Amino acid sequence: MVSRQDLIRAVDLALSGDWDAAHRIVQADEDDSTSCWVHAVLHKIEGDAGNARYWYRRAGHAYEAYADARAELAAIKAALTY
């Protein structure tokens, strides 16, 4: 299980371009919906639409909801820091 702080760290790492480190964090809890959401965005950034769509379904979010991955990551971070 990843903590809220772990997920915030994953988002910050993704925003700074450290995709691999962010990916390692979210892979630690593939049942948490927010972790799945971050995981989805990471695969969207990577250009793997099929895998991203899988994680979006697991997260309960739509692939098409955000055109800009950075804006989506900012929205995730805002939800985590409310």
C-alpha atoms as a PDB file:
ATOM      1  CA  MET A   1       0.000   0.000   0.000  1.00  0.00           C
ATOM      2  CA  VAL A   2       1.310   3.427  -0.930  1.00  0.00           C
ATOM      3  CA  SER A   3       0.654   6.463   1.223  1.00  0.00           C
ATOM      4  CA  ARG A   4      -0.724   9.792   0.108  1.00  0.00           C
ATOM      5  CA  GLN A   5       2.795  11.200   0.511  1.00  0.00           C
ATOM      6  CA  ASP A   6       4.171   8.431  -1.720  1.00  0.00           C
ATOM      7  CA  LEU A   7       1.631   9.332  -4.400  1.00  0.00           C
ATOM      8  CA  ILE A   8       2.478  13.033  -4.130  1.00  0.00           C
ATOM      9  CA  ARG A   9       6.137  12.069  -4.528  1.00  0.00           C
ATOM     10  CA  ALA A  10       5.262   9.976  -7.609  1.00  0.00           C
ATOM     11  CA  VAL A  11       3.442  12.953  -9.139  1.00  0.00           C
ATOM     12  CA  ASP A  12       6.367  15.272  -8.371  1.00  0.00           C
ATOM     13  CA  LEU A  13       8.793  12.782  -9.906  1.00  0.00           C
ATOM     14  CA  ALA A  14       6.630  12.494 -13.015  1.00  0.00           C
ATOM     15  CA  LEU A  15       6.432  16.277 -13.315  1.00  0.00           C
ATOM     16  CA  SER A  16      10.224  16.489 -13.066  1.00  0.00           C
ATOM     17  CA  GLY A  17      10.645  13.864 -15.790  1.00  0.00           C
ATOM     18  CA  ASP A  18      11.652  10.894 -13.632  1.00  0.00           C
ATOM     19  CA  TRP A  19       9.128   8.494 -15.161  1.00  0.00           C
ATOM     20  CA  ASP A  20      10.875   5.334 -13.912  1.00  0.00           C
ATOM     21  CA  ALA A  21      10.947   6.383 -10.250  1.00  0.00           C
ATOM     22  CA  ALA A  22       7.306   7.494 -10.386  1.00  0.00           C
ATOM     23  CA  HIS A  23       6.371   4.204 -12.028  1.00  0.00           C
ATOM     24  CA  ARG A  24       8.106   2.171  -9.302  1.00  0.00           C
ATOM     25  CA  ILE A  25       6.073   3.964  -6.628  1.00  0.00           C
ATOM     26  CA  VAL A  26       2.671   3.436  -8.239  1.00  0.00           C
ATOM     27  CA  GLN A  27       3.430  -0.194  -9.071  1.00  0.00           C
ATOM     28  CA  ALA A  28       3.626  -0.843  -5.323  1.00  0.00           C
ATOM     29  CA  ASP A  29      -0.177  -0.559  -5.010  1.00  0.00           C
ATOM     30  CA  GLU A  30      -2.075  -1.538  -8.125  1.00  0.00           C
ATOM     31  CA  ASP A  31      -5.400  -1.700  -6.257  1.00  0.00           C
ATOM     32  CA  ASP A  32      -5.544   1.939  -5.130  1.00  0.00           C
ATOM     33  CA  SER A  33      -7.568   4.072  -7.559  1.00  0.00           C
ATOM     34  CA  THR A  34      -5.285   7.115  -7.274  1.00  0.00           C
ATOM     35  CA  SER A  35      -2.214   4.974  -7.784  1.00  0.00           C
ATOM     36  CA  CYS A  36      -3.900   3.517 -10.879  1.00  0.00           C
ATOM     37  CA  TRP A  37      -4.680   7.048 -12.086  1.00  0.00           C
ATOM     38  CA  VAL A  38      -1.054   8.157 -11.790  1.00  0.00           C
ATOM     39  CA  HIS A  39      -0.023   4.888 -13.451  1.00  0.00           C
ATOM     40  CA  ALA A  40      -2.404   5.663 -16.325  1.00  0.00           C
ATOM     41  CA  VAL A  41      -0.964   9.135 -16.852  1.00  0.00           C
ATOM     42  CA  LEU A  42       2.568   7.751 -16.854  1.00  0.00           C
ATOM     43  CA  HIS A  43       1.692   5.364 -19.666  1.00  0.00           C
ATOM     44  CA  LYS A  44      -0.073   8.184 -21.523  1.00  0.00           C
ATOM     45  CA  ILE A  45       3.151  10.215 -21.269  1.00  0.00           C
ATOM     46  CA  GLU A  46       5.095   7.193 -22.491  1.00  0.00           C
ATOM     47  CA  GLY A  47       2.847   6.998 -25.545  1.00  0.00           C
ATOM     48  CA  ASP A  48       1.404   3.586 -24.655  1.00  0.00           C
ATOM     49  CA  ALA A  49      -2.299   4.368 -25.154  1.00  0.00           C
ATOM     50  CA  GLY A  50      -3.471   0.766 -24.759  1.00  0.00           C
ATOM     51  CA  ASN A  51      -1.774   0.317 -21.401  1.00  0.00           C
ATOM     52  CA  ALA A  52      -2.826   3.809 -20.310  1.00  0.00           C
ATOM     53  CA  ARG A  53      -6.473   3.028 -21.118  1.00  0.00           C
ATOM     54  CA  TYR A  54      -6.248  -0.155 -19.045  1.00  0.00           C
ATOM     55  CA  TRP A  55      -5.044   1.838 -16.010  1.00  0.00           C
ATOM     56  CA  TYR A  56      -7.633   4.571 -16.593  1.00  0.00           C
ATOM     57  CA  ARG A  57     -10.360   1.918 -16.467  1.00  0.00           C
ATOM     58  CA  ARG A  58      -8.902   0.557 -13.218  1.00  0.00           C
ATOM     59  CA  ALA A  59      -8.779   4.099 -11.823  1.00  0.00           C
ATOM     60  CA  GLY A  60     -12.332   4.942 -12.866  1.00  0.00           C
ATOM     61  CA  HIS A  61     -11.215   7.888 -14.999  1.00  0.00           C
ATOM     62  CA  ALA A  62     -11.492   8.653 -18.701  1.00  0.00           C
ATOM     63  CA  TYR A  63      -8.427   8.626 -20.947  1.00  0.00           C
ATOM     64  CA  GLU A  64      -9.827  11.600 -22.860  1.00  0.00           C
ATOM     65  CA  ALA A  65     -10.559  13.783 -19.808  1.00  0.00           C
ATOM     66  CA  TYR A  66      -7.232  15.634 -20.027  1.00  0.00           C
ATOM     67  CA  ALA A  67      -5.341  16.507 -23.189  1.00  0.00           C
ATOM     68  CA  ASP A  68      -2.329  17.726 -21.196  1.00  0.00           C
ATOM     69  CA  ALA A  69      -0.597  15.204 -18.907  1.00  0.00           C
ATOM     70  CA  ARG A  70       1.015  17.942 -16.796  1.00  0.00           C
ATOM     71  CA  ALA A  71      -2.403  19.480 -16.089  1.00  0.00           C
ATOM     72  CA  GLU A  72      -3.735  16.055 -15.188  1.00  0.00           C
ATOM     73  CA  LEU A  73      -0.842  15.396 -12.814  1.00  0.00           C
ATOM     74  CA  ALA A  74      -1.463  18.813 -11.232  1.00  0.00           C
ATOM     75  CA  ALA A  75      -5.130  17.856 -10.748  1.00  0.00           C
ATOM     76  CA  ILE A  76      -4.107  14.576  -9.116  1.00  0.00           C
ATOM     77  CA  LYS A  77      -1.719  16.409  -6.803  1.00  0.00           C
ATOM     78  CA  ALA A  78      -4.426  18.924  -5.899  1.00  0.00           C
ATOM     79  CA  ALA A  79      -6.791  16.060  -5.049  1.00  0.00           C
ATOM     80  CA  LEU A  80      -4.108  14.483  -2.857  1.00  0.00           C
ATOM     81  CA  THR A  81      -3.315  17.712  -1.007  1.00  0.00           C
ATOM     82  CA  TYR A  82      -6.848  19.038  -0.494  1.00  0.00           C
END
